[in-house]
Amino acid sequence: MGADFIEVDLRTTSDGREVCLHDASLKRTTGVDSLVNDMSFERVRALSAGHKSGPQYENEKIPSLEDVCELVSAHNRSGSRRVRLYLDCKHIRVDEVLRVLKEYDLLSASVFYGDVMTLLAIRSAAPDARLLPAFPGEEREDEIIRTLRPIAFDVDWHQVNASLVARCHRKGIKVFCDLLDENDHLSAYRKAIAMGVDLIQTDDVEAVKKCREESRNVTPR
């Protein structure tokens, strides 16, 4: 589809394995009312992540970080457009995440989103890691830039504006913006592109690509 990144959420099982799941609880996905970090990897993998969608999906499992890395690594070796990982570090073991990424040669192809303490731990263990903190507000942005040396800020759609984007760019910081759910539509893409936002998080890659091509074909007057 031509996406630059695939975003996945990471959580740690009770025995220290990394799985890709948004919620802290397994209930919405599997029907089992337990927390991911209270269950072993083996028990999490025994659950069906697709039974709610019909019997044909009964055997779908919650993927591990290794599963995702294997797919992405194979795709990148195929000579197709290189895909990178956008890792939302919700509850992780930093050493385990970095171990898996290094094993699949994807550390340099990953960007890490998370709270400041998690990102500091990643920076300490992997000095060249590409970090993506949430935008902390103008009053703290220089402090966070000094502390984390981020590649970008994730800026809330209700906060982002052309002046903020330009200021971040002057400081060598990119701007990422989440346009999921009610903001995942053409007018928002066009506005973000016009403001100079560097990456749009979306569930409709084709629509964003079309908007980006439209903007490139507009002749300034």
N, C-alpha and C. Protein backbone atom coordinates (compact mmCIF):
# COMPACT_ATOMS: atom_id res chain seq x y z
N MET A 1 0.81 -1.22 0.00
CA MET A 1 0.00 0.00 0.00
C MET A 1 0.85 1.27 0.00
N GLY A 2 2.14 1.11 0.26
CA GLY A 2 3.01 2.28 0.22
C GLY A 2 3.13 3.05 1.51
N ALA A 3 2.72 2.44 2.63
CA ALA A 3 2.89 3.11 3.92
C ALA A 3 4.37 3.16 4.29
N ASP A 4 4.77 4.23 4.96
CA ASP A 4 6.16 4.36 5.40
C ASP A 4 6.41 3.61 6.70
N PHE A 5 5.39 3.54 7.56
CA PHE A 5 5.49 2.87 8.85
C PHE A 5 4.27 1.99 9.08
N ILE A 6 4.46 0.93 9.87
CA ILE A 6 3.36 0.16 10.42
C ILE A 6 3.38 0.38 11.93
N GLU A 7 2.26 0.85 12.48
CA GLU A 7 2.20 1.13 13.91
C GLU A 7 1.67 -0.08 14.66
N VAL A 8 2.41 -0.48 15.71
CA VAL A 8 1.96 -1.57 16.57
C VAL A 8 2.15 -1.18 18.03
N ASP A 9 1.24 -1.67 18.87
CA ASP A 9 1.30 -1.43 20.31
C ASP A 9 1.97 -2.62 20.98
N LEU A 10 2.85 -2.35 21.93
CA LEU A 10 3.60 -3.41 22.60
C LEU A 10 3.24 -3.51 24.07
N ARG A 11 3.03 -4.76 24.52
CA ARG A 11 2.80 -5.06 25.93
C ARG A 11 3.58 -6.31 26.30
N THR A 12 3.89 -6.45 27.58
CA THR A 12 4.73 -7.53 28.06
C THR A 12 3.91 -8.55 28.84
N THR A 13 4.10 -9.82 28.52
CA THR A 13 3.44 -10.89 29.26
C THR A 13 4.13 -11.10 30.62
N SER A 14 3.53 -11.93 31.46
CA SER A 14 4.08 -12.13 32.80
C SER A 14 5.46 -12.77 32.79
N ASP A 15 5.78 -13.49 31.69
CA ASP A 15 7.10 -14.11 31.59
C ASP A 15 8.04 -13.35 30.66
N GLY A 16 7.72 -12.08 30.38
CA GLY A 16 8.68 -11.20 29.72
C GLY A 16 8.70 -11.21 28.22
N ARG A 17 7.69 -11.77 27.56
CA ARG A 17 7.62 -11.73 26.10
C ARG A 17 6.81 -10.53 25.65
N GLU A 18 7.14 -10.01 24.46
CA GLU A 18 6.46 -8.83 23.93
C GLU A 18 5.39 -9.25 22.91
N VAL A 19 4.15 -8.78 23.15
CA VAL A 19 3.06 -9.06 22.22
C VAL A 19 2.47 -7.75 21.73
N CYS A 20 1.78 -7.84 20.60
CA CYS A 20 1.24 -6.66 19.94
C CYS A 20 -0.25 -6.57 20.22
N LEU A 21 -0.61 -5.71 21.16
CA LEU A 21 -2.00 -5.55 21.56
C LEU A 21 -2.20 -4.15 22.12
N HIS A 22 -3.29 -3.50 21.72
CA HIS A 22 -3.56 -2.14 22.19
C HIS A 22 -3.95 -2.11 23.66
N ASP A 23 -4.92 -2.93 24.04
CA ASP A 23 -5.50 -2.85 25.38
C ASP A 23 -4.62 -3.52 26.43
N ALA A 24 -4.69 -3.00 27.66
CA ALA A 24 -4.04 -3.69 28.78
C ALA A 24 -4.75 -4.99 29.10
N SER A 25 -6.06 -5.01 28.89
CA SER A 25 -6.86 -6.21 29.14
C SER A 25 -7.04 -7.01 27.86
N LEU A 26 -7.18 -8.31 28.02
CA LEU A 26 -7.42 -9.20 26.88
C LEU A 26 -8.91 -9.33 26.54
N LYS A 27 -9.78 -8.71 27.34
CA LYS A 27 -11.20 -8.98 27.22
C LYS A 27 -11.78 -8.58 25.87
N ARG A 28 -11.48 -7.36 25.41
CA ARG A 28 -12.10 -6.89 24.16
C ARG A 28 -11.68 -7.74 22.97
N THR A 29 -10.44 -8.20 22.97
CA THR A 29 -9.91 -8.96 21.83
C THR A 29 -10.26 -10.44 21.91
N THR A 30 -10.13 -11.02 23.11
CA THR A 30 -10.27 -12.47 23.23
C THR A 30 -11.47 -12.92 24.05
N GLY A 31 -12.09 -11.99 24.79
CA GLY A 31 -13.19 -12.37 25.66
C GLY A 31 -12.76 -12.80 27.04
N VAL A 32 -11.45 -12.91 27.28
CA VAL A 32 -10.93 -13.33 28.58
C VAL A 32 -10.60 -12.10 29.41
N ASP A 33 -11.21 -12.00 30.57
CA ASP A 33 -11.07 -10.80 31.40
C ASP A 33 -9.82 -10.89 32.27
N SER A 34 -8.66 -10.76 31.65
CA SER A 34 -7.37 -10.77 32.34
C SER A 34 -6.46 -9.76 31.70
N LEU A 35 -5.48 -9.30 32.47
CA LEU A 35 -4.49 -8.37 31.94
C LEU A 35 -3.38 -9.13 31.23
N VAL A 36 -2.84 -8.53 30.18
CA VAL A 36 -1.74 -9.15 29.45
C VAL A 36 -0.58 -9.46 30.38
N ASN A 37 -0.24 -8.50 31.24
CA ASN A 37 0.95 -8.69 32.08
C ASN A 37 0.72 -9.64 33.25
N ASP A 38 -0.51 -10.18 33.37
CA ASP A 38 -0.78 -11.21 34.38
C ASP A 38 -0.78 -12.62 33.80
N MET A 39 -0.60 -12.73 32.49
CA MET A 39 -0.66 -14.04 31.83
C MET A 39 0.65 -14.34 31.12
N SER A 40 1.02 -15.62 31.09
CA SER A 40 2.22 -16.04 30.38
C SER A 40 2.00 -15.94 28.87
N PHE A 41 3.11 -15.90 28.15
CA PHE A 41 3.01 -15.86 26.69
C PHE A 41 2.26 -17.08 26.16
N GLU A 42 2.53 -18.23 26.71
CA GLU A 42 1.87 -19.46 26.25
C GLU A 42 0.36 -19.37 26.42
N ARG A 43 -0.09 -18.83 27.56
CA ARG A 43 -1.53 -18.70 27.79
C ARG A 43 -2.15 -17.66 26.86
N VAL A 44 -1.45 -16.55 26.64
CA VAL A 44 -1.96 -15.53 25.72
C VAL A 44 -2.09 -16.11 24.31
N ARG A 45 -1.10 -16.88 23.88
CA ARG A 45 -1.12 -17.45 22.53
C ARG A 45 -2.19 -18.52 22.36
N ALA A 46 -2.65 -19.08 23.46
CA ALA A 46 -3.69 -20.12 23.37
C ALA A 46 -5.07 -19.52 23.12
N LEU A 47 -5.20 -18.21 23.29
CA LEU A 47 -6.49 -17.56 23.13
C LEU A 47 -6.78 -17.23 21.67
N SER A 48 -8.05 -17.17 21.32
CA SER A 48 -8.46 -16.76 19.98
C SER A 48 -8.65 -15.25 19.93
N ALA A 49 -7.97 -14.61 19.00
CA ALA A 49 -8.14 -13.17 18.80
C ALA A 49 -9.12 -12.87 17.67
N GLY A 50 -9.73 -13.93 17.10
CA GLY A 50 -10.61 -13.71 15.96
C GLY A 50 -11.98 -14.33 16.07
N HIS A 51 -12.27 -14.98 17.19
CA HIS A 51 -13.53 -15.72 17.29
C HIS A 51 -14.76 -14.82 17.15
N LYS A 52 -14.64 -13.56 17.55
CA LYS A 52 -15.78 -12.65 17.45
C LYS A 52 -16.12 -12.30 16.01
N SER A 53 -15.18 -12.51 15.12
CA SER A 53 -15.39 -12.17 13.71
C SER A 53 -15.90 -13.34 12.89
N GLY A 54 -16.10 -14.49 13.52
CA GLY A 54 -16.63 -15.63 12.82
C GLY A 54 -15.75 -16.84 12.93
N PRO A 55 -16.30 -18.02 12.69
CA PRO A 55 -15.55 -19.27 12.87
C PRO A 55 -14.31 -19.38 12.00
N GLN A 56 -14.32 -18.72 10.84
CA GLN A 56 -13.15 -18.80 9.95
C GLN A 56 -11.92 -18.12 10.54
N TYR A 57 -12.13 -17.28 11.58
CA TYR A 57 -11.02 -16.57 12.21
C TYR A 57 -10.70 -17.11 13.61
N GLU A 58 -11.26 -18.24 13.94
CA GLU A 58 -11.11 -18.81 15.28
C GLU A 58 -9.65 -19.01 15.67
N ASN A 59 -8.81 -19.34 14.69
CA ASN A 59 -7.42 -19.66 14.99
C ASN A 59 -6.46 -18.46 14.92
N GLU A 60 -7.02 -17.26 14.75
CA GLU A 60 -6.16 -16.07 14.76
C GLU A 60 -5.62 -15.83 16.17
N LYS A 61 -4.32 -15.54 16.25
CA LYS A 61 -3.67 -15.35 17.53
C LYS A 61 -3.19 -13.91 17.70
N ILE A 62 -3.00 -13.49 18.95
CA ILE A 62 -2.35 -12.21 19.22
C ILE A 62 -0.89 -12.35 18.79
N PRO A 63 -0.41 -11.50 17.91
CA PRO A 63 0.96 -11.66 17.41
C PRO A 63 2.01 -11.24 18.43
N SER A 64 3.13 -11.89 18.38
CA SER A 64 4.29 -11.46 19.15
C SER A 64 5.05 -10.40 18.36
N LEU A 65 5.94 -9.71 19.03
CA LEU A 65 6.81 -8.78 18.32
C LEU A 65 7.64 -9.52 17.28
N GLU A 66 8.07 -10.74 17.61
CA GLU A 66 8.83 -11.54 16.64
C GLU A 66 8.02 -11.81 15.38
N ASP A 67 6.73 -12.11 15.52
CA ASP A 67 5.88 -12.36 14.35
C ASP A 67 5.87 -11.16 13.42
N VAL A 68 5.70 -9.97 14.00
CA VAL A 68 5.65 -8.75 13.20
C VAL A 68 7.00 -8.49 12.54
N CYS A 69 8.07 -8.65 13.30
CA CYS A 69 9.41 -8.40 12.76
C CYS A 69 9.74 -9.37 11.63
N GLU A 70 9.30 -10.60 11.77
CA GLU A 70 9.57 -11.58 10.71
C GLU A 70 8.89 -11.18 9.41
N LEU A 71 7.64 -10.73 9.50
CA LEU A 71 6.91 -10.30 8.31
C LEU A 71 7.56 -9.07 7.67
N VAL A 72 7.88 -8.08 8.50
CA VAL A 72 8.45 -6.84 7.98
C VAL A 72 9.84 -7.09 7.39
N SER A 73 10.64 -7.89 8.09
CA SER A 73 11.98 -8.19 7.61
C SER A 73 11.93 -8.92 6.26
N ALA A 74 11.02 -9.88 6.13
CA ALA A 74 10.89 -10.61 4.87
C ALA A 74 10.44 -9.68 3.74
N HIS A 75 9.50 -8.78 4.05
CA HIS A 75 9.04 -7.81 3.05
C HIS A 75 10.20 -6.93 2.60
N ASN A 76 10.98 -6.44 3.55
CA ASN A 76 12.08 -5.53 3.20
C ASN A 76 13.16 -6.24 2.40
N ARG A 77 13.38 -7.53 2.66
CA ARG A 77 14.38 -8.29 1.88
C ARG A 77 13.90 -8.57 0.46
N SER A 78 12.60 -8.47 0.24
CA SER A 78 12.05 -8.80 -1.08
C SER A 78 12.37 -7.74 -2.13
N GLY A 79 12.89 -6.60 -1.70
CA GLY A 79 13.21 -5.53 -2.64
C GLY A 79 12.07 -4.57 -2.85
N SER A 80 10.94 -4.80 -2.16
CA SER A 80 9.82 -3.87 -2.25
C SER A 80 10.14 -2.61 -1.45
N ARG A 81 9.21 -1.67 -1.48
CA ARG A 81 9.37 -0.44 -0.69
C ARG A 81 9.65 -0.80 0.76
N ARG A 82 10.69 -0.23 1.34
CA ARG A 82 11.09 -0.55 2.70
C ARG A 82 10.05 0.00 3.70
N VAL A 83 9.66 -0.85 4.63
CA VAL A 83 8.69 -0.48 5.65
C VAL A 83 9.39 -0.41 7.00
N ARG A 84 9.03 0.59 7.79
CA ARG A 84 9.59 0.76 9.12
C ARG A 84 8.51 0.53 10.18
N LEU A 85 8.95 0.39 11.42
CA LEU A 85 8.04 0.12 12.52
C LEU A 85 7.86 1.36 13.40
N TYR A 86 6.62 1.65 13.72
CA TYR A 86 6.24 2.72 14.64
C TYR A 86 5.75 1.99 15.89
N LEU A 87 6.60 1.93 16.92
CA LEU A 87 6.33 1.10 18.09
C LEU A 87 5.78 1.94 19.23
N ASP A 88 4.52 1.71 19.56
CA ASP A 88 3.89 2.37 20.69
C ASP A 88 4.18 1.52 21.92
N CYS A 89 5.11 1.99 22.75
CA CYS A 89 5.62 1.21 23.88
C CYS A 89 4.73 1.42 25.10
N LYS A 90 3.62 0.70 25.14
CA LYS A 90 2.64 0.89 26.20
C LYS A 90 3.12 0.31 27.52
N HIS A 91 3.69 -0.88 27.48
CA HIS A 91 4.22 -1.52 28.70
C HIS A 91 5.24 -2.55 28.24
N ILE A 92 6.52 -2.16 28.26
CA ILE A 92 7.54 -3.01 27.64
C ILE A 92 8.70 -3.30 28.57
N ARG A 93 9.42 -4.36 28.22
CA ARG A 93 10.76 -4.60 28.74
C ARG A 93 11.72 -4.08 27.67
N VAL A 94 12.40 -3.00 27.97
CA VAL A 94 13.24 -2.35 26.97
C VAL A 94 14.28 -3.31 26.42
N ASP A 95 14.93 -4.08 27.27
CA ASP A 95 15.98 -4.98 26.80
C ASP A 95 15.44 -6.03 25.84
N GLU A 96 14.23 -6.52 26.10
CA GLU A 96 13.65 -7.55 25.23
C GLU A 96 13.24 -6.96 23.88
N VAL A 97 12.64 -5.78 23.90
CA VAL A 97 12.25 -5.14 22.63
C VAL A 97 13.48 -4.90 21.76
N LEU A 98 14.53 -4.36 22.35
CA LEU A 98 15.73 -4.07 21.58
C LEU A 98 16.40 -5.35 21.09
N ARG A 99 16.37 -6.40 21.90
CA ARG A 99 16.96 -7.68 21.48
C ARG A 99 16.28 -8.21 20.22
N VAL A 100 14.94 -8.18 20.22
CA VAL A 100 14.19 -8.69 19.07
C VAL A 100 14.45 -7.84 17.83
N LEU A 101 14.43 -6.52 17.98
CA LEU A 101 14.66 -5.65 16.82
C LEU A 101 16.05 -5.85 16.24
N LYS A 102 17.05 -6.03 17.11
CA LYS A 102 18.41 -6.28 16.62
C LYS A 102 18.50 -7.61 15.90
N GLU A 103 17.81 -8.61 16.43
CA GLU A 103 17.84 -9.94 15.80
C GLU A 103 17.34 -9.89 14.37
N TYR A 104 16.33 -9.05 14.12
CA TYR A 104 15.74 -8.95 12.78
C TYR A 104 16.28 -7.74 12.00
N ASP A 105 17.32 -7.11 12.51
CA ASP A 105 17.95 -5.96 11.85
C ASP A 105 16.94 -4.84 11.59
N LEU A 106 16.10 -4.57 12.59
CA LEU A 106 15.07 -3.55 12.43
C LEU A 106 15.19 -2.41 13.44
N LEU A 107 16.24 -2.39 14.23
CA LEU A 107 16.37 -1.32 15.21
C LEU A 107 16.47 0.04 14.54
N SER A 108 17.27 0.13 13.50
CA SER A 108 17.44 1.42 12.81
C SER A 108 16.22 1.77 11.96
N ALA A 109 15.31 0.80 11.78
CA ALA A 109 14.10 1.02 10.99
C ALA A 109 12.88 1.21 11.89
N SER A 110 13.12 1.54 13.15
CA SER A 110 12.02 1.68 14.10
C SER A 110 12.03 3.06 14.73
N VAL A 111 10.83 3.53 15.06
CA VAL A 111 10.68 4.74 15.86
C VAL A 111 9.86 4.37 17.09
N PHE A 112 10.23 4.91 18.24
CA PHE A 112 9.65 4.51 19.51
C PHE A 112 8.80 5.63 20.10
N TYR A 113 7.53 5.35 20.30
CA TYR A 113 6.63 6.27 20.99
C TYR A 113 6.38 5.74 22.40
N GLY A 114 6.33 6.63 23.39
CA GLY A 114 6.05 6.20 24.74
C GLY A 114 6.22 7.34 25.71
N ASP A 115 6.07 7.03 27.00
CA ASP A 115 6.25 8.07 28.01
C ASP A 115 7.73 8.40 28.15
N VAL A 116 8.03 9.52 28.81
CA VAL A 116 9.39 10.02 28.87
C VAL A 116 10.33 9.03 29.55
N MET A 117 9.91 8.38 30.63
CA MET A 117 10.77 7.45 31.35
C MET A 117 11.12 6.25 30.47
N THR A 118 10.14 5.74 29.73
CA THR A 118 10.42 4.61 28.83
C THR A 118 11.39 5.03 27.73
N LEU A 119 11.18 6.21 27.17
CA LEU A 119 12.05 6.68 26.10
C LEU A 119 13.46 6.96 26.61
N LEU A 120 13.59 7.45 27.83
CA LEU A 120 14.92 7.64 28.42
C LEU A 120 15.64 6.30 28.57
N ALA A 121 14.92 5.27 28.98
CA ALA A 121 15.52 3.94 29.12
C ALA A 121 15.97 3.41 27.76
N ILE A 122 15.17 3.66 26.72
CA ILE A 122 15.56 3.23 25.37
C ILE A 122 16.79 4.01 24.92
N ARG A 123 16.81 5.32 25.16
CA ARG A 123 17.96 6.14 24.75
C ARG A 123 19.23 5.65 25.46
N SER A 124 19.13 5.30 26.73
CA SER A 124 20.28 4.83 27.49
C SER A 124 20.82 3.52 26.92
N ALA A 125 19.92 2.62 26.54
CA ALA A 125 20.33 1.30 26.04
C ALA A 125 20.70 1.32 24.56
N ALA A 126 20.11 2.25 23.82
CA ALA A 126 20.35 2.32 22.36
C ALA A 126 20.52 3.79 21.98
N PRO A 127 21.73 4.33 22.07
CA PRO A 127 21.97 5.77 21.88
C PRO A 127 21.48 6.33 20.55
N ASP A 128 21.41 5.47 19.52
CA ASP A 128 20.98 5.97 18.20
C ASP A 128 19.51 5.73 17.91
N ALA A 129 18.76 5.23 18.90
CA ALA A 129 17.34 4.95 18.68
C ALA A 129 16.59 6.23 18.32
N ARG A 130 15.58 6.08 17.49
CA ARG A 130 14.77 7.22 17.04
C ARG A 130 13.54 7.33 17.94
N LEU A 131 13.48 8.39 18.73
CA LEU A 131 12.45 8.53 19.74
C LEU A 131 11.37 9.52 19.32
N LEU A 132 10.15 9.23 19.74
CA LEU A 132 8.98 10.02 19.37
C LEU A 132 8.14 10.29 20.62
N PRO A 133 8.46 11.31 21.41
CA PRO A 133 7.62 11.64 22.55
C PRO A 133 6.38 12.42 22.12
N ALA A 134 5.38 12.41 22.97
CA ALA A 134 4.24 13.30 22.77
C ALA A 134 4.71 14.75 22.93
N PHE A 135 4.13 15.63 22.15
CA PHE A 135 4.49 17.05 22.25
C PHE A 135 4.16 17.55 23.65
N PRO A 136 5.13 18.11 24.39
CA PRO A 136 4.91 18.45 25.80
C PRO A 136 4.38 19.86 26.03
N GLY A 137 4.12 20.60 24.96
CA GLY A 137 3.77 22.01 25.09
C GLY A 137 5.00 22.86 24.84
N GLU A 138 4.77 24.09 24.35
CA GLU A 138 5.90 24.95 23.96
C GLU A 138 6.84 25.23 25.13
N GLU A 139 6.30 25.32 26.35
CA GLU A 139 7.12 25.67 27.50
C GLU A 139 8.13 24.57 27.86
N ARG A 140 7.87 23.32 27.44
CA ARG A 140 8.78 22.21 27.78
C ARG A 140 9.47 21.60 26.56
N GLU A 141 9.18 22.11 25.37
CA GLU A 141 9.70 21.43 24.19
C GLU A 141 11.22 21.44 24.14
N ASP A 142 11.86 22.56 24.51
CA ASP A 142 13.33 22.61 24.47
C ASP A 142 13.94 21.66 25.50
N GLU A 143 13.31 21.55 26.66
CA GLU A 143 13.79 20.62 27.69
C GLU A 143 13.74 19.18 27.18
N ILE A 144 12.63 18.81 26.55
CA ILE A 144 12.48 17.43 26.05
C ILE A 144 13.44 17.19 24.89
N ILE A 145 13.66 18.18 24.05
CA ILE A 145 14.61 18.04 22.95
C ILE A 145 16.01 17.78 23.50
N ARG A 146 16.41 18.53 24.54
CA ARG A 146 17.73 18.32 25.14
C ARG A 146 17.83 16.95 25.81
N THR A 147 16.78 16.55 26.50
CA THR A 147 16.81 15.32 27.28
C THR A 147 16.76 14.07 26.41
N LEU A 148 15.88 14.07 25.44
CA LEU A 148 15.63 12.85 24.66
C LEU A 148 16.27 12.84 23.28
N ARG A 149 16.59 14.01 22.74
CA ARG A 149 17.08 14.11 21.36
C ARG A 149 16.15 13.36 20.40
N PRO A 150 14.86 13.73 20.37
CA PRO A 150 13.90 12.99 19.56
C PRO A 150 14.03 13.27 18.08
N ILE A 151 13.55 12.33 17.28
CA ILE A 151 13.46 12.56 15.84
C ILE A 151 12.23 13.40 15.52
N ALA A 152 11.19 13.28 16.36
CA ALA A 152 9.92 13.95 16.08
C ALA A 152 9.10 14.09 17.36
N PHE A 153 8.10 14.96 17.29
CA PHE A 153 7.06 15.03 18.32
C PHE A 153 5.77 14.48 17.73
N ASP A 154 5.04 13.75 18.55
CA ASP A 154 3.67 13.37 18.19
C ASP A 154 2.76 14.47 18.73
N VAL A 155 2.15 15.22 17.84
CA VAL A 155 1.36 16.39 18.24
C VAL A 155 -0.13 16.09 18.09
N ASP A 156 -0.88 16.34 19.13
CA ASP A 156 -2.33 16.15 19.09
C ASP A 156 -2.95 17.02 17.99
N TRP A 157 -3.91 16.46 17.28
CA TRP A 157 -4.52 17.16 16.16
C TRP A 157 -5.13 18.49 16.58
N HIS A 158 -5.61 18.59 17.81
CA HIS A 158 -6.24 19.82 18.27
C HIS A 158 -5.20 20.88 18.67
N GLN A 159 -3.93 20.49 18.75
CA GLN A 159 -2.86 21.43 19.09
C GLN A 159 -2.06 21.88 17.87
N VAL A 160 -2.02 21.07 16.85
CA VAL A 160 -1.09 21.32 15.75
C VAL A 160 -1.55 22.53 14.92
N ASN A 161 -0.56 23.31 14.50
CA ASN A 161 -0.82 24.44 13.60
C ASN A 161 0.47 24.70 12.82
N ALA A 162 0.37 25.53 11.79
CA ALA A 162 1.51 25.76 10.91
C ALA A 162 2.69 26.38 11.65
N SER A 163 2.41 27.26 12.62
CA SER A 163 3.48 27.90 13.37
C SER A 163 4.25 26.87 14.21
N LEU A 164 3.53 25.96 14.86
CA LEU A 164 4.17 24.92 15.67
C LEU A 164 5.03 24.03 14.78
N VAL A 165 4.49 23.62 13.63
CA VAL A 165 5.24 22.76 12.71
C VAL A 165 6.52 23.46 12.25
N ALA A 166 6.40 24.73 11.87
CA ALA A 166 7.57 25.48 11.39
C ALA A 166 8.62 25.61 12.49
N ARG A 167 8.17 25.87 13.73
CA ARG A 167 9.12 26.01 14.84
C ARG A 167 9.87 24.70 15.11
N CYS A 168 9.13 23.58 15.08
CA CYS A 168 9.78 22.28 15.27
C CYS A 168 10.78 22.01 14.15
N HIS A 169 10.41 22.32 12.93
CA HIS A 169 11.31 22.09 11.80
C HIS A 169 12.58 22.92 11.93
N ARG A 170 12.47 24.14 12.41
CA ARG A 170 13.67 24.97 12.60
C ARG A 170 14.62 24.34 13.61
N LYS A 171 14.08 23.57 14.55
CA LYS A 171 14.88 22.91 15.57
C LYS A 171 15.30 21.50 15.16
N GLY A 172 15.00 21.13 13.92
CA GLY A 172 15.39 19.82 13.41
C GLY A 172 14.49 18.69 13.87
N ILE A 173 13.27 19.01 14.29
CA ILE A 173 12.33 18.02 14.81
C ILE A 173 11.16 17.89 13.84
N LYS A 174 10.84 16.65 13.48
CA LYS A 174 9.69 16.40 12.63
C LYS A 174 8.41 16.41 13.45
N VAL A 175 7.28 16.48 12.77
CA VAL A 175 5.97 16.47 13.42
C VAL A 175 5.15 15.31 12.89
N PHE A 176 4.75 14.43 13.80
CA PHE A 176 3.85 13.34 13.47
C PHE A 176 2.48 13.69 14.05
N CYS A 177 1.42 13.25 13.40
CA CYS A 177 0.08 13.58 13.85
C CYS A 177 -0.86 12.40 13.64
N ASP A 178 -1.62 12.08 14.67
CA ASP A 178 -2.58 10.97 14.64
C ASP A 178 -3.92 11.49 14.12
N LEU A 179 -4.33 10.96 12.96
CA LEU A 179 -5.62 11.36 12.39
C LEU A 179 -6.58 10.17 12.32
N LEU A 180 -6.53 9.32 13.31
CA LEU A 180 -7.42 8.16 13.33
C LEU A 180 -8.83 8.54 13.77
N ASP A 181 -9.74 7.57 13.61
CA ASP A 181 -11.12 7.70 14.08
C ASP A 181 -11.82 8.89 13.43
N GLU A 182 -12.36 9.83 14.22
CA GLU A 182 -13.20 10.89 13.65
C GLU A 182 -12.40 11.89 12.81
N ASN A 183 -11.07 11.87 12.92
CA ASN A 183 -10.23 12.80 12.14
C ASN A 183 -9.66 12.16 10.87
N ASP A 184 -10.03 10.92 10.61
CA ASP A 184 -9.45 10.18 9.49
C ASP A 184 -10.26 10.44 8.22
N HIS A 185 -10.10 11.66 7.66
CA HIS A 185 -10.88 12.04 6.47
C HIS A 185 -10.09 13.04 5.64
N LEU A 186 -10.56 13.28 4.42
CA LEU A 186 -9.81 14.05 3.43
C LEU A 186 -9.48 15.46 3.87
N SER A 187 -10.43 16.16 4.46
CA SER A 187 -10.16 17.56 4.80
C SER A 187 -9.07 17.66 5.86
N ALA A 188 -9.03 16.70 6.79
CA ALA A 188 -7.97 16.72 7.80
C ALA A 188 -6.62 16.41 7.17
N TYR A 189 -6.57 15.44 6.23
CA TYR A 189 -5.30 15.13 5.55
C TYR A 189 -4.77 16.38 4.83
N ARG A 190 -5.67 17.04 4.10
CA ARG A 190 -5.25 18.21 3.32
C ARG A 190 -4.74 19.33 4.24
N LYS A 191 -5.40 19.51 5.37
CA LYS A 191 -4.98 20.54 6.31
C LYS A 191 -3.61 20.20 6.90
N ALA A 192 -3.41 18.93 7.27
CA ALA A 192 -2.13 18.50 7.84
C ALA A 192 -1.00 18.66 6.84
N ILE A 193 -1.25 18.28 5.59
CA ILE A 193 -0.24 18.40 4.54
C ILE A 193 0.10 19.87 4.30
N ALA A 194 -0.91 20.72 4.27
CA ALA A 194 -0.68 22.15 4.05
C ALA A 194 0.14 22.77 5.18
N MET A 195 -0.01 22.26 6.40
CA MET A 195 0.74 22.78 7.54
C MET A 195 2.17 22.25 7.57
N GLY A 196 2.48 21.23 6.75
CA GLY A 196 3.82 20.68 6.72
C GLY A 196 4.05 19.51 7.65
N VAL A 197 2.97 18.89 8.15
CA VAL A 197 3.10 17.71 9.01
C VAL A 197 3.87 16.63 8.25
N ASP A 198 4.82 15.98 8.91
CA ASP A 198 5.72 15.04 8.24
C ASP A 198 5.16 13.63 8.12
N LEU A 199 4.33 13.22 9.08
CA LEU A 199 3.75 11.88 9.01
C LEU A 199 2.34 11.91 9.55
N ILE A 200 1.43 11.30 8.80
CA ILE A 200 0.03 11.21 9.19
C ILE A 200 -0.28 9.77 9.55
N GLN A 201 -0.76 9.55 10.77
CA GLN A 201 -1.18 8.21 11.16
C GLN A 201 -2.63 8.04 10.74
N THR A 202 -2.90 6.98 9.97
CA THR A 202 -4.19 6.82 9.32
C THR A 202 -4.56 5.35 9.17
N ASP A 203 -5.85 5.09 9.00
CA ASP A 203 -6.31 3.76 8.61
C ASP A 203 -6.64 3.71 7.12
N ASP A 204 -6.39 4.79 6.39
CA ASP A 204 -6.69 4.85 4.95
C ASP A 204 -5.47 5.38 4.20
N VAL A 205 -4.49 4.50 4.03
CA VAL A 205 -3.22 4.89 3.40
C VAL A 205 -3.44 5.43 1.99
N GLU A 206 -4.29 4.78 1.23
CA GLU A 206 -4.52 5.20 -0.16
C GLU A 206 -5.04 6.64 -0.23
N ALA A 207 -5.95 6.99 0.66
CA ALA A 207 -6.51 8.34 0.62
C ALA A 207 -5.45 9.38 0.96
N VAL A 208 -4.60 9.09 1.95
CA VAL A 208 -3.54 10.04 2.31
C VAL A 208 -2.55 10.19 1.15
N LYS A 209 -2.20 9.08 0.51
CA LYS A 209 -1.28 9.15 -0.63
C LYS A 209 -1.85 10.01 -1.75
N LYS A 210 -3.14 9.87 -2.03
CA LYS A 210 -3.78 10.68 -3.07
C LYS A 210 -3.73 12.16 -2.72
N CYS A 211 -4.00 12.47 -1.45
CA CYS A 211 -3.93 13.88 -1.02
C CYS A 211 -2.52 14.43 -1.14
N ARG A 212 -1.54 13.60 -0.82
CA ARG A 212 -0.16 14.05 -0.91
C ARG A 212 0.22 14.32 -2.36
N GLU A 213 -0.22 13.44 -3.27
CA GLU A 213 0.05 13.66 -4.70
C GLU A 213 -0.65 14.91 -5.20
N GLU A 214 -1.88 15.13 -4.75
CA GLU A 214 -2.61 16.34 -5.13
C GLU A 214 -1.82 17.59 -4.74
N SER A 215 -1.28 17.58 -3.51
CA SER A 215 -0.57 18.77 -3.02
C SER A 215 0.70 19.02 -3.82
N ARG A 216 1.34 17.94 -4.28
CA ARG A 216 2.57 18.10 -5.08
C ARG A 216 2.28 18.66 -6.44
N ASN A 217 1.05 18.44 -6.93
CA ASN A 217 0.71 18.88 -8.28
C ASN A 217 0.09 20.27 -8.32
N VAL A 218 -0.06 20.89 -7.15
CA VAL A 218 -0.62 22.24 -7.10
C VAL A 218 0.48 23.25 -7.43
N THR A 219 0.23 24.11 -8.40
CA THR A 219 1.20 25.12 -8.81
C THR A 219 1.02 26.38 -7.97
N PRO A 220 2.05 26.82 -7.26
CA PRO A 220 1.94 28.06 -6.45
C PRO A 220 1.64 29.26 -7.34
N ARG A 221 0.84 30.19 -6.83
CA ARG A 221 0.50 31.40 -7.60
C ARG A 221 0.84 32.64 -6.79
